[in-house]
C-alpha cells in the first residue's frame, strides 16, 4: 500500500480557477472519526468551507460520526476519514515533522480507495509557521482542514493518484495557501471528478 501526500512547501497562491456554475448535487457521506481532541468551532468551519469547495463538482458533503453509524445504514457514495492528533487551535506549537504529509488517501494495486487520513498537528504546524501566527483561531484551522480534506476527496472522487500543476489538487499546498482568502479546484479537475461520478452511475 502507498499513500498520496499533501505536503508542506511555501509556494505562491493561485487566482480563482473558474466561475461558479449551477449543477445538480449528489450526496457524499463522510464517515469521520477523531482519535484526539477537537474543536467544535473548527469542525463547523471545516463543514462550511468543504461544502463551498465541493459545490462546483456537484458533490454535497454529509457528515456522519462513525460512532453513530448503524449496521442498517447505507450510503450512495461514501468516504471514511480519520483525523489524527489535536484538531483544535492551541497556544503551544505543534511539533515540526519536516516534509511529512498533511494528509493521504490509500491506494492498493493502483486503485484509489475511499479511505483518507488527516494529520491535524501537521496542518496546525504548517499554517502557524506560514506567517508566524502567535494566535491561531479555530476558524482558521477549520478552513485549512477543509482544504486539505478537499484535496484528498479529489483523489477519491476523480479516482486518480496524479496531481495537476495548479489549484487545490496540486501536489503541494503551502500553509499560506491553506489560510488564504480563496483556494479552489481547477475547472479541469472539477470536470474530472464529474466524469468519474457519471461513469459510476
N, C-alpha and C. Protein backbone atom coordinates (compact mmCIF):
# COMPACT_ATOMS: atom_id res chain seq x y z
N UNK A 1 0.84 -1.18 0.00
CA UNK A 1 0.00 0.00 0.00
C UNK A 1 0.88 1.24 0.00
N UNK A 2 0.49 2.25 -0.77
CA UNK A 2 1.20 3.50 -0.75
C UNK A 2 0.22 4.63 -0.51
N UNK A 3 0.67 5.78 -0.28
CA UNK A 3 -0.21 6.88 0.07
C UNK A 3 0.03 8.08 -0.80
N UNK A 4 -1.03 8.85 -1.00
CA UNK A 4 -0.93 10.13 -1.67
C UNK A 4 -0.64 11.17 -0.62
N UNK A 5 0.18 12.12 -0.92
CA UNK A 5 0.55 13.09 0.10
C UNK A 5 0.18 14.51 -0.27
N UNK A 6 -0.12 15.28 0.76
CA UNK A 6 -0.35 16.71 0.62
C UNK A 6 0.65 17.34 1.58
N UNK A 7 1.83 17.67 1.11
CA UNK A 7 2.92 18.05 1.98
C UNK A 7 3.09 19.55 2.06
N UNK A 8 3.98 19.99 2.95
CA UNK A 8 4.19 21.40 3.21
C UNK A 8 5.27 21.96 2.32
N UNK A 9 4.98 23.09 1.65
CA UNK A 9 6.00 23.81 0.91
C UNK A 9 5.48 25.22 0.69
N UNK A 10 6.34 26.20 0.75
CA UNK A 10 5.91 27.58 0.54
C UNK A 10 5.88 27.88 -0.95
N UNK A 11 4.69 28.19 -1.45
CA UNK A 11 4.53 28.49 -2.87
C UNK A 11 3.55 29.63 -3.00
N UNK A 12 3.54 30.26 -4.17
CA UNK A 12 2.66 31.41 -4.39
C UNK A 12 1.22 30.95 -4.52
N UNK A 13 0.29 31.80 -4.11
CA UNK A 13 -1.13 31.48 -4.23
C UNK A 13 -1.56 31.65 -5.68
N UNK A 14 -2.58 30.89 -6.07
CA UNK A 14 -3.11 30.98 -7.42
C UNK A 14 -4.45 31.69 -7.39
N UNK A 15 -4.83 32.37 -8.46
CA UNK A 15 -6.12 33.07 -8.52
C UNK A 15 -7.27 32.09 -8.65
N UNK A 16 -8.51 32.53 -8.45
CA UNK A 16 -9.66 31.66 -8.61
C UNK A 16 -9.62 30.93 -9.94
N UNK A 17 -10.00 29.63 -9.91
CA UNK A 17 -9.77 28.79 -11.07
C UNK A 17 -10.92 28.81 -12.06
N UNK A 18 -12.12 29.13 -11.60
CA UNK A 18 -13.23 29.07 -12.53
C UNK A 18 -14.40 29.86 -11.97
N UNK A 19 -15.32 30.21 -12.84
CA UNK A 19 -16.53 30.89 -12.40
C UNK A 19 -17.49 29.88 -11.79
N UNK A 20 -18.33 30.34 -10.88
CA UNK A 20 -19.29 29.46 -10.24
C UNK A 20 -20.32 29.01 -11.28
N UNK A 21 -20.69 27.74 -11.18
CA UNK A 21 -21.68 27.20 -12.09
C UNK A 21 -22.74 26.47 -11.29
N UNK A 22 -23.93 26.40 -11.82
CA UNK A 22 -25.01 25.69 -11.19
C UNK A 22 -25.01 24.24 -11.70
N UNK A 23 -25.14 23.31 -10.77
CA UNK A 23 -25.16 21.91 -11.17
C UNK A 23 -25.94 21.13 -10.13
N UNK A 24 -26.54 20.01 -10.54
CA UNK A 24 -27.24 19.17 -9.59
C UNK A 24 -26.23 18.54 -8.63
N UNK A 25 -26.66 18.33 -7.41
CA UNK A 25 -25.73 17.82 -6.42
C UNK A 25 -26.06 16.38 -6.03
N UNK A 26 -25.01 15.65 -5.67
CA UNK A 26 -25.15 14.28 -5.18
C UNK A 26 -24.53 14.20 -3.80
N UNK A 27 -25.17 13.49 -2.87
CA UNK A 27 -24.62 13.42 -1.51
C UNK A 27 -23.36 12.56 -1.45
N UNK A 28 -22.42 12.98 -0.64
CA UNK A 28 -21.24 12.19 -0.34
C UNK A 28 -21.17 12.04 1.18
N UNK A 29 -21.35 10.83 1.66
CA UNK A 29 -21.28 10.58 3.09
C UNK A 29 -19.82 10.55 3.53
N UNK A 30 -19.48 11.44 4.45
CA UNK A 30 -18.15 11.46 5.05
C UNK A 30 -18.28 10.86 6.44
N UNK A 31 -17.84 9.62 6.57
CA UNK A 31 -17.89 8.93 7.86
C UNK A 31 -16.57 9.21 8.58
N UNK A 32 -16.63 10.00 9.63
CA UNK A 32 -15.40 10.52 10.23
C UNK A 32 -15.17 9.99 11.64
N UNK A 33 -13.91 10.07 12.04
CA UNK A 33 -13.52 9.72 13.41
C UNK A 33 -12.34 10.59 13.82
N UNK A 34 -12.40 11.16 15.02
CA UNK A 34 -11.28 11.89 15.61
C UNK A 34 -10.65 11.00 16.68
N UNK A 35 -9.35 10.80 16.59
CA UNK A 35 -8.71 10.00 17.63
C UNK A 35 -8.09 10.85 18.73
N UNK A 36 -8.29 12.18 18.65
CA UNK A 36 -7.80 13.09 19.67
C UNK A 36 -8.80 14.20 19.89
N UNK A 37 -8.49 15.17 20.73
CA UNK A 37 -9.42 16.28 21.00
C UNK A 37 -9.59 17.16 19.78
N UNK A 38 -10.80 17.71 19.62
CA UNK A 38 -11.05 18.61 18.50
C UNK A 38 -12.01 19.71 18.93
N UNK A 39 -11.95 20.80 18.18
CA UNK A 39 -12.80 21.95 18.45
C UNK A 39 -14.08 21.87 17.62
N UNK A 40 -15.21 22.08 18.27
CA UNK A 40 -16.48 22.09 17.55
C UNK A 40 -16.53 23.26 16.57
N UNK A 41 -15.95 24.39 16.96
CA UNK A 41 -15.93 25.56 16.07
C UNK A 41 -15.09 25.27 14.83
N UNK A 42 -13.95 24.61 15.00
CA UNK A 42 -13.11 24.24 13.85
C UNK A 42 -13.85 23.25 12.96
N UNK A 43 -14.54 22.31 13.58
CA UNK A 43 -15.29 21.31 12.82
C UNK A 43 -16.40 21.97 12.00
N UNK A 44 -17.12 22.90 12.59
CA UNK A 44 -18.20 23.58 11.87
C UNK A 44 -17.67 24.42 10.71
N UNK A 45 -16.52 25.07 10.91
CA UNK A 45 -15.92 25.84 9.83
C UNK A 45 -15.43 24.91 8.72
N UNK A 46 -14.90 23.74 9.09
CA UNK A 46 -14.47 22.76 8.10
C UNK A 46 -15.67 22.30 7.28
N UNK A 47 -16.80 22.04 7.92
CA UNK A 47 -18.01 21.66 7.21
C UNK A 47 -18.42 22.74 6.20
N UNK A 48 -18.44 23.99 6.66
CA UNK A 48 -18.88 25.09 5.81
C UNK A 48 -17.95 25.26 4.61
N UNK A 49 -16.64 25.29 4.87
CA UNK A 49 -15.67 25.51 3.79
C UNK A 49 -15.67 24.35 2.80
N UNK A 50 -15.78 23.13 3.30
CA UNK A 50 -15.77 21.97 2.39
C UNK A 50 -16.99 21.98 1.49
N UNK A 51 -18.13 22.35 2.02
CA UNK A 51 -19.34 22.45 1.20
C UNK A 51 -19.14 23.44 0.05
N UNK A 52 -18.53 24.58 0.37
CA UNK A 52 -18.25 25.59 -0.65
C UNK A 52 -17.27 25.08 -1.69
N UNK A 53 -16.22 24.41 -1.25
CA UNK A 53 -15.20 23.91 -2.17
C UNK A 53 -15.73 22.84 -3.12
N UNK A 54 -16.63 22.00 -2.62
CA UNK A 54 -17.12 20.87 -3.41
C UNK A 54 -18.33 21.21 -4.27
N UNK A 55 -18.96 22.36 -4.03
CA UNK A 55 -20.19 22.70 -4.74
C UNK A 55 -20.05 22.70 -6.26
N UNK A 56 -18.98 23.25 -6.84
CA UNK A 56 -18.89 23.24 -8.31
C UNK A 56 -18.85 21.82 -8.90
N UNK A 57 -18.42 20.85 -8.13
CA UNK A 57 -18.33 19.47 -8.63
C UNK A 57 -19.66 18.73 -8.54
N UNK A 58 -20.66 19.36 -7.90
CA UNK A 58 -21.94 18.69 -7.74
C UNK A 58 -21.95 17.71 -6.59
N UNK A 59 -20.97 17.79 -5.70
CA UNK A 59 -20.89 16.90 -4.54
C UNK A 59 -21.34 17.66 -3.31
N UNK A 60 -22.22 17.04 -2.54
CA UNK A 60 -22.74 17.65 -1.32
C UNK A 60 -22.30 16.81 -0.11
N UNK A 61 -21.30 17.28 0.63
CA UNK A 61 -20.81 16.51 1.78
C UNK A 61 -21.88 16.38 2.88
N UNK A 62 -22.01 15.17 3.39
CA UNK A 62 -22.89 14.91 4.53
C UNK A 62 -22.08 14.17 5.58
N UNK A 63 -21.96 14.75 6.75
CA UNK A 63 -21.05 14.25 7.78
C UNK A 63 -21.75 13.27 8.71
N UNK A 64 -21.06 12.17 9.01
CA UNK A 64 -21.59 11.13 9.89
C UNK A 64 -20.50 10.66 10.84
N UNK A 65 -20.73 10.84 12.12
CA UNK A 65 -19.80 10.33 13.13
C UNK A 65 -19.82 8.80 13.09
N UNK A 66 -18.65 8.20 13.00
CA UNK A 66 -18.59 6.75 12.88
C UNK A 66 -19.26 6.05 14.08
N UNK A 67 -19.25 6.70 15.23
CA UNK A 67 -19.86 6.10 16.42
C UNK A 67 -21.37 5.99 16.29
N UNK A 68 -21.96 6.79 15.39
CA UNK A 68 -23.41 6.79 15.25
C UNK A 68 -23.90 5.93 14.09
N UNK A 69 -22.98 5.32 13.37
CA UNK A 69 -23.36 4.50 12.22
C UNK A 69 -23.93 3.17 12.68
N UNK A 70 -25.10 2.81 12.15
CA UNK A 70 -25.74 1.54 12.47
C UNK A 70 -25.52 0.55 11.34
N UNK A 71 -25.54 -0.76 11.63
CA UNK A 71 -25.34 -1.77 10.58
C UNK A 71 -26.33 -1.65 9.43
N UNK A 72 -27.49 -1.09 9.71
CA UNK A 72 -28.51 -0.98 8.67
C UNK A 72 -28.33 0.26 7.79
N UNK A 73 -27.42 1.16 8.15
CA UNK A 73 -27.22 2.38 7.37
C UNK A 73 -26.59 2.06 6.02
N UNK A 74 -27.01 2.78 5.00
CA UNK A 74 -26.42 2.62 3.67
C UNK A 74 -26.29 3.98 3.03
N UNK A 75 -25.27 4.11 2.16
CA UNK A 75 -24.99 5.40 1.53
C UNK A 75 -24.71 5.20 0.05
N UNK A 76 -25.20 6.13 -0.74
CA UNK A 76 -24.97 6.06 -2.19
C UNK A 76 -23.49 6.20 -2.52
N UNK A 77 -22.81 7.12 -1.83
CA UNK A 77 -21.39 7.36 -2.03
C UNK A 77 -20.78 7.66 -0.67
N UNK A 78 -19.61 7.09 -0.41
CA UNK A 78 -19.07 7.16 0.95
C UNK A 78 -17.55 7.27 0.92
N UNK A 79 -17.00 8.02 1.87
CA UNK A 79 -15.57 8.04 2.12
C UNK A 79 -15.37 8.05 3.62
N UNK A 80 -14.39 7.28 4.09
CA UNK A 80 -14.08 7.20 5.51
C UNK A 80 -12.85 8.06 5.79
N UNK A 81 -12.97 8.96 6.76
CA UNK A 81 -11.90 9.91 7.06
C UNK A 81 -11.53 9.81 8.53
N UNK A 82 -10.24 9.61 8.79
CA UNK A 82 -9.72 9.59 10.15
C UNK A 82 -8.91 10.85 10.39
N UNK A 83 -9.23 11.56 11.46
CA UNK A 83 -8.49 12.75 11.85
C UNK A 83 -7.59 12.39 13.03
N UNK A 84 -6.30 12.63 12.87
CA UNK A 84 -5.33 12.27 13.90
C UNK A 84 -4.78 13.51 14.59
N UNK A 85 -4.37 13.34 15.84
CA UNK A 85 -3.76 14.44 16.57
C UNK A 85 -4.78 15.34 17.24
N UNK A 86 -4.37 16.56 17.51
CA UNK A 86 -5.18 17.53 18.24
C UNK A 86 -5.76 18.53 17.23
N UNK A 87 -7.03 18.35 16.91
CA UNK A 87 -7.68 19.13 15.86
C UNK A 87 -8.36 20.36 16.46
N UNK A 88 -7.56 21.21 17.06
CA UNK A 88 -8.06 22.44 17.66
C UNK A 88 -6.92 23.43 17.78
N UNK A 89 -7.27 24.71 17.84
CA UNK A 89 -6.26 25.74 17.99
C UNK A 89 -5.69 25.67 19.40
N UNK A 90 -4.36 25.72 19.48
CA UNK A 90 -3.70 25.65 20.77
C UNK A 90 -2.56 26.66 20.80
N UNK A 91 -2.27 27.17 21.99
CA UNK A 91 -1.19 28.14 22.12
C UNK A 91 0.17 27.51 21.88
N UNK A 92 0.32 26.25 22.29
CA UNK A 92 1.58 25.55 22.08
C UNK A 92 1.71 25.14 20.62
N UNK A 93 2.91 25.31 20.08
CA UNK A 93 3.14 24.94 18.69
C UNK A 93 3.17 23.43 18.55
N UNK A 94 2.63 22.93 17.44
CA UNK A 94 2.70 21.51 17.15
C UNK A 94 4.13 21.15 16.77
N UNK A 95 4.57 19.95 17.08
CA UNK A 95 5.94 19.57 16.74
C UNK A 95 6.18 19.57 15.24
N UNK A 96 7.31 20.11 14.81
CA UNK A 96 7.66 20.11 13.38
C UNK A 96 8.05 18.71 12.95
N UNK A 97 7.56 18.29 11.79
CA UNK A 97 7.85 16.94 11.31
C UNK A 97 8.39 16.96 9.88
N UNK A 98 9.15 17.99 9.56
CA UNK A 98 9.77 18.05 8.24
C UNK A 98 8.73 18.13 7.15
N UNK A 99 8.94 17.33 6.10
CA UNK A 99 8.04 17.39 4.95
C UNK A 99 7.06 16.22 4.93
N UNK A 100 6.71 15.71 6.09
CA UNK A 100 5.74 14.61 6.14
C UNK A 100 4.38 15.11 5.67
N UNK A 101 3.55 14.23 5.10
CA UNK A 101 2.28 14.66 4.50
C UNK A 101 1.29 15.19 5.53
N UNK A 102 0.51 16.17 5.10
CA UNK A 102 -0.58 16.69 5.93
C UNK A 102 -1.75 15.72 5.93
N UNK A 103 -1.89 14.97 4.86
CA UNK A 103 -2.98 14.01 4.72
C UNK A 103 -2.61 13.03 3.61
N UNK A 104 -3.34 11.94 3.55
CA UNK A 104 -3.11 10.98 2.47
C UNK A 104 -4.36 10.14 2.24
N UNK A 105 -4.45 9.59 1.04
CA UNK A 105 -5.53 8.69 0.66
C UNK A 105 -4.92 7.37 0.24
N UNK A 106 -5.54 6.29 0.65
CA UNK A 106 -4.95 4.97 0.46
C UNK A 106 -5.13 4.46 -0.97
N UNK A 107 -4.10 3.81 -1.46
CA UNK A 107 -4.09 3.25 -2.81
C UNK A 107 -3.59 1.81 -2.72
N UNK A 108 -4.29 0.88 -3.35
CA UNK A 108 -3.88 -0.52 -3.39
C UNK A 108 -3.91 -1.00 -4.83
N UNK A 109 -2.79 -1.54 -5.29
CA UNK A 109 -2.69 -2.05 -6.66
C UNK A 109 -3.13 -1.01 -7.69
N UNK A 110 -2.77 0.23 -7.43
CA UNK A 110 -3.09 1.31 -8.35
C UNK A 110 -4.51 1.85 -8.25
N UNK A 111 -5.32 1.29 -7.37
CA UNK A 111 -6.71 1.72 -7.23
C UNK A 111 -6.84 2.63 -6.01
N UNK A 112 -7.41 3.81 -6.22
CA UNK A 112 -7.63 4.76 -5.13
C UNK A 112 -8.83 4.31 -4.32
N UNK A 113 -8.64 4.17 -3.02
CA UNK A 113 -9.69 3.70 -2.12
C UNK A 113 -10.34 4.87 -1.39
N UNK A 114 -11.58 4.72 -0.96
CA UNK A 114 -12.27 5.82 -0.25
C UNK A 114 -11.92 5.86 1.24
N UNK A 115 -10.64 5.88 1.53
CA UNK A 115 -10.15 5.94 2.90
C UNK A 115 -9.06 7.01 2.97
N UNK A 116 -9.29 8.05 3.77
CA UNK A 116 -8.33 9.15 3.88
C UNK A 116 -7.99 9.41 5.35
N UNK A 117 -6.80 9.95 5.55
CA UNK A 117 -6.33 10.30 6.89
C UNK A 117 -5.82 11.74 6.85
N UNK A 118 -6.14 12.50 7.90
CA UNK A 118 -5.71 13.89 8.02
C UNK A 118 -4.93 14.05 9.32
N UNK A 119 -3.75 14.65 9.23
CA UNK A 119 -2.90 14.87 10.40
C UNK A 119 -3.08 16.31 10.90
N UNK A 120 -3.91 16.48 11.91
CA UNK A 120 -4.23 17.84 12.39
C UNK A 120 -3.01 18.57 12.94
N UNK A 121 -2.13 17.88 13.65
CA UNK A 121 -0.95 18.54 14.20
C UNK A 121 -0.06 19.11 13.10
N UNK A 122 0.08 18.38 12.01
CA UNK A 122 0.92 18.84 10.90
C UNK A 122 0.26 20.02 10.18
N UNK A 123 -1.06 19.97 10.04
CA UNK A 123 -1.77 21.10 9.43
C UNK A 123 -1.61 22.34 10.29
N UNK A 124 -1.76 22.17 11.59
CA UNK A 124 -1.63 23.30 12.51
C UNK A 124 -0.22 23.89 12.46
N UNK A 125 0.79 23.02 12.43
CA UNK A 125 2.17 23.49 12.36
C UNK A 125 2.44 24.22 11.05
N UNK A 126 1.86 23.74 9.97
CA UNK A 126 2.07 24.34 8.66
C UNK A 126 1.53 25.76 8.59
N UNK A 127 0.29 25.94 9.05
CA UNK A 127 -0.31 27.26 8.93
C UNK A 127 0.25 28.23 9.97
N UNK A 128 0.70 27.70 11.09
CA UNK A 128 1.29 28.59 12.10
C UNK A 128 2.65 29.12 11.62
N UNK A 129 3.44 28.25 11.01
CA UNK A 129 4.76 28.66 10.55
C UNK A 129 4.70 29.50 9.28
N UNK A 130 3.58 29.45 8.57
CA UNK A 130 3.48 30.14 7.29
C UNK A 130 3.61 31.65 7.44
N UNK A 131 3.04 32.22 8.48
CA UNK A 131 3.11 33.67 8.64
C UNK A 131 3.39 34.08 10.08
N UNK A 132 3.99 33.17 10.84
CA UNK A 132 4.39 33.49 12.20
C UNK A 132 3.24 33.77 13.14
N UNK A 133 2.14 33.08 12.95
CA UNK A 133 0.97 33.30 13.81
C UNK A 133 1.29 33.01 15.27
N UNK A 134 1.00 33.97 16.11
CA UNK A 134 1.12 33.72 17.54
C UNK A 134 -0.18 33.15 18.10
N UNK A 135 -1.29 33.64 17.55
CA UNK A 135 -2.59 33.16 17.96
C UNK A 135 -3.28 32.52 16.74
N UNK A 136 -3.59 31.27 16.86
CA UNK A 136 -4.25 30.53 15.78
C UNK A 136 -5.69 30.27 16.20
N UNK A 137 -6.64 30.73 15.38
CA UNK A 137 -8.05 30.55 15.74
C UNK A 137 -8.57 29.22 15.21
N UNK A 138 -9.64 28.75 15.84
CA UNK A 138 -10.28 27.52 15.38
C UNK A 138 -10.88 27.70 14.00
N UNK A 139 -11.34 28.90 13.67
CA UNK A 139 -11.92 29.14 12.35
C UNK A 139 -10.86 29.00 11.26
N UNK A 140 -9.68 29.55 11.51
CA UNK A 140 -8.59 29.43 10.53
C UNK A 140 -8.18 27.97 10.39
N UNK A 141 -8.07 27.26 11.49
CA UNK A 141 -7.72 25.84 11.43
C UNK A 141 -8.78 25.05 10.68
N UNK A 142 -10.06 25.35 10.93
CA UNK A 142 -11.13 24.64 10.24
C UNK A 142 -11.08 24.86 8.74
N UNK A 143 -10.77 26.07 8.31
CA UNK A 143 -10.64 26.36 6.88
C UNK A 143 -9.51 25.55 6.27
N UNK A 144 -8.38 25.50 6.96
CA UNK A 144 -7.23 24.76 6.45
C UNK A 144 -7.53 23.27 6.37
N UNK A 145 -8.18 22.72 7.39
CA UNK A 145 -8.52 21.29 7.39
C UNK A 145 -9.46 20.96 6.23
N UNK A 146 -10.40 21.85 5.94
CA UNK A 146 -11.33 21.62 4.83
C UNK A 146 -10.58 21.54 3.51
N UNK A 147 -9.59 22.40 3.32
CA UNK A 147 -8.85 22.41 2.06
C UNK A 147 -7.96 21.18 1.92
N UNK A 148 -7.38 20.76 3.03
CA UNK A 148 -6.59 19.53 3.00
C UNK A 148 -7.49 18.34 2.66
N UNK A 149 -8.65 18.29 3.28
CA UNK A 149 -9.57 17.18 3.01
C UNK A 149 -10.11 17.24 1.58
N UNK A 150 -10.41 18.43 1.08
CA UNK A 150 -10.89 18.56 -0.30
C UNK A 150 -9.86 18.03 -1.29
N UNK A 151 -8.59 18.25 -1.00
CA UNK A 151 -7.51 17.70 -1.84
C UNK A 151 -7.61 16.18 -1.89
N UNK A 152 -7.82 15.57 -0.74
CA UNK A 152 -7.91 14.11 -0.71
C UNK A 152 -9.19 13.62 -1.38
N UNK A 153 -10.29 14.34 -1.20
CA UNK A 153 -11.54 13.95 -1.86
C UNK A 153 -11.42 14.01 -3.37
N UNK A 154 -10.61 14.94 -3.86
CA UNK A 154 -10.36 14.98 -5.30
C UNK A 154 -9.81 13.64 -5.78
N UNK A 155 -8.83 13.10 -5.07
CA UNK A 155 -8.25 11.81 -5.46
C UNK A 155 -9.30 10.70 -5.43
N UNK A 156 -10.10 10.70 -4.37
CA UNK A 156 -11.13 9.66 -4.22
C UNK A 156 -12.17 9.76 -5.32
N UNK A 157 -12.69 10.96 -5.55
CA UNK A 157 -13.80 11.13 -6.49
C UNK A 157 -13.37 11.09 -7.95
N UNK A 158 -12.16 11.58 -8.23
CA UNK A 158 -11.66 11.53 -9.60
C UNK A 158 -10.98 10.19 -9.89
N UNK A 159 -10.79 9.39 -8.85
CA UNK A 159 -10.16 8.07 -8.97
C UNK A 159 -8.79 8.16 -9.63
N UNK A 160 -8.00 9.07 -9.11
CA UNK A 160 -6.68 9.25 -9.68
C UNK A 160 -5.66 9.51 -8.58
N UNK A 161 -4.45 9.04 -8.80
CA UNK A 161 -3.36 9.31 -7.86
C UNK A 161 -2.45 10.41 -8.38
N UNK A 162 -2.80 10.98 -9.53
CA UNK A 162 -1.99 12.05 -10.12
C UNK A 162 -2.41 13.41 -9.58
N UNK A 163 -1.55 14.40 -9.78
CA UNK A 163 -1.83 15.76 -9.34
C UNK A 163 -1.72 16.72 -10.52
N UNK A 164 -2.62 17.70 -10.60
CA UNK A 164 -2.48 18.75 -11.60
C UNK A 164 -1.36 19.70 -11.19
N UNK A 165 -1.06 20.65 -12.06
CA UNK A 165 0.04 21.56 -11.78
C UNK A 165 -0.33 22.75 -10.93
N UNK A 166 -1.63 23.00 -10.74
CA UNK A 166 -2.05 24.19 -10.00
C UNK A 166 -3.39 23.93 -9.34
N UNK A 167 -3.77 24.83 -8.44
CA UNK A 167 -5.06 24.72 -7.77
C UNK A 167 -5.01 23.84 -6.54
N UNK A 168 -6.17 23.61 -5.98
CA UNK A 168 -6.30 22.89 -4.72
C UNK A 168 -5.80 21.45 -4.79
N UNK A 169 -5.84 20.84 -5.96
CA UNK A 169 -5.45 19.44 -6.09
C UNK A 169 -3.99 19.24 -6.47
N UNK A 170 -3.20 20.32 -6.57
CA UNK A 170 -1.79 20.16 -6.91
C UNK A 170 -1.05 19.41 -5.80
N UNK A 171 0.15 18.96 -6.09
CA UNK A 171 0.85 18.05 -5.18
C UNK A 171 1.12 18.67 -3.82
N UNK A 172 1.58 19.92 -3.79
CA UNK A 172 1.94 20.57 -2.54
C UNK A 172 1.05 21.78 -2.27
N UNK A 173 0.61 21.92 -1.04
CA UNK A 173 -0.13 23.10 -0.61
C UNK A 173 0.63 23.73 0.55
N UNK A 174 0.87 25.01 0.45
CA UNK A 174 1.60 25.71 1.50
C UNK A 174 0.67 26.13 2.62
N UNK A 175 1.26 26.47 3.76
CA UNK A 175 0.47 26.99 4.86
C UNK A 175 -0.27 28.26 4.49
N UNK A 176 0.38 29.12 3.71
CA UNK A 176 -0.26 30.36 3.26
C UNK A 176 -1.47 30.07 2.38
N UNK A 177 -1.36 29.09 1.53
CA UNK A 177 -2.49 28.73 0.66
C UNK A 177 -3.65 28.17 1.48
N UNK A 178 -3.32 27.43 2.51
CA UNK A 178 -4.37 26.81 3.33
C UNK A 178 -5.19 27.84 4.10
N UNK A 179 -4.64 29.03 4.33
CA UNK A 179 -5.38 30.05 5.07
C UNK A 179 -5.69 31.27 4.21
N UNK A 180 -5.41 31.20 2.92
CA UNK A 180 -5.67 32.33 2.03
C UNK A 180 -7.17 32.60 1.92
N UNK A 181 -7.51 33.78 1.40
CA UNK A 181 -8.92 34.15 1.28
C UNK A 181 -9.68 33.20 0.36
N UNK A 182 -8.99 32.67 -0.64
CA UNK A 182 -9.69 31.81 -1.59
C UNK A 182 -8.73 30.81 -2.21
N UNK A 183 -9.14 29.57 -2.25
CA UNK A 183 -8.39 28.50 -2.90
C UNK A 183 -9.41 27.50 -3.43
N UNK A 184 -9.29 27.13 -4.71
CA UNK A 184 -10.32 26.31 -5.35
C UNK A 184 -9.71 25.20 -6.19
N UNK A 185 -10.57 24.27 -6.55
CA UNK A 185 -10.21 23.27 -7.55
C UNK A 185 -10.24 23.91 -8.94
N UNK A 186 -9.33 23.50 -9.78
CA UNK A 186 -9.33 23.98 -11.16
C UNK A 186 -10.54 23.42 -11.90
N UNK A 187 -10.97 24.16 -12.93
CA UNK A 187 -12.11 23.74 -13.72
C UNK A 187 -11.91 22.34 -14.31
N UNK A 188 -10.71 22.06 -14.80
CA UNK A 188 -10.42 20.75 -15.38
C UNK A 188 -10.50 19.64 -14.33
N UNK A 189 -10.14 19.95 -13.09
CA UNK A 189 -10.19 18.94 -12.02
C UNK A 189 -11.63 18.67 -11.61
N UNK A 190 -12.45 19.73 -11.60
CA UNK A 190 -13.87 19.55 -11.34
C UNK A 190 -14.50 18.67 -12.40
N UNK A 191 -14.15 18.89 -13.65
CA UNK A 191 -14.69 18.07 -14.74
C UNK A 191 -14.25 16.62 -14.62
N UNK A 192 -13.03 16.40 -14.18
CA UNK A 192 -12.56 15.02 -13.99
C UNK A 192 -13.37 14.31 -12.91
N UNK A 193 -13.68 15.02 -11.83
CA UNK A 193 -14.49 14.45 -10.77
C UNK A 193 -15.90 14.14 -11.27
N UNK A 194 -16.47 15.06 -12.04
CA UNK A 194 -17.81 14.84 -12.59
C UNK A 194 -17.83 13.64 -13.53
N UNK A 195 -16.81 13.53 -14.37
CA UNK A 195 -16.76 12.42 -15.34
C UNK A 195 -16.67 11.08 -14.63
N UNK A 196 -15.87 11.02 -13.57
CA UNK A 196 -15.73 9.77 -12.82
C UNK A 196 -17.04 9.42 -12.12
N UNK A 197 -17.73 10.44 -11.62
CA UNK A 197 -19.03 10.20 -10.95
C UNK A 197 -20.05 9.70 -11.96
N UNK A 198 -20.11 10.33 -13.13
CA UNK A 198 -21.09 9.93 -14.14
C UNK A 198 -20.82 8.51 -14.65
N UNK A 199 -19.53 8.16 -14.75
CA UNK A 199 -19.18 6.83 -15.23
C UNK A 199 -19.59 5.75 -14.24
N UNK A 200 -19.77 6.12 -12.98
CA UNK A 200 -20.10 5.15 -11.94
C UNK A 200 -21.59 4.99 -11.78
N UNK A 201 -22.38 5.78 -12.51
CA UNK A 201 -23.83 5.70 -12.37
C UNK A 201 -24.41 4.54 -13.17
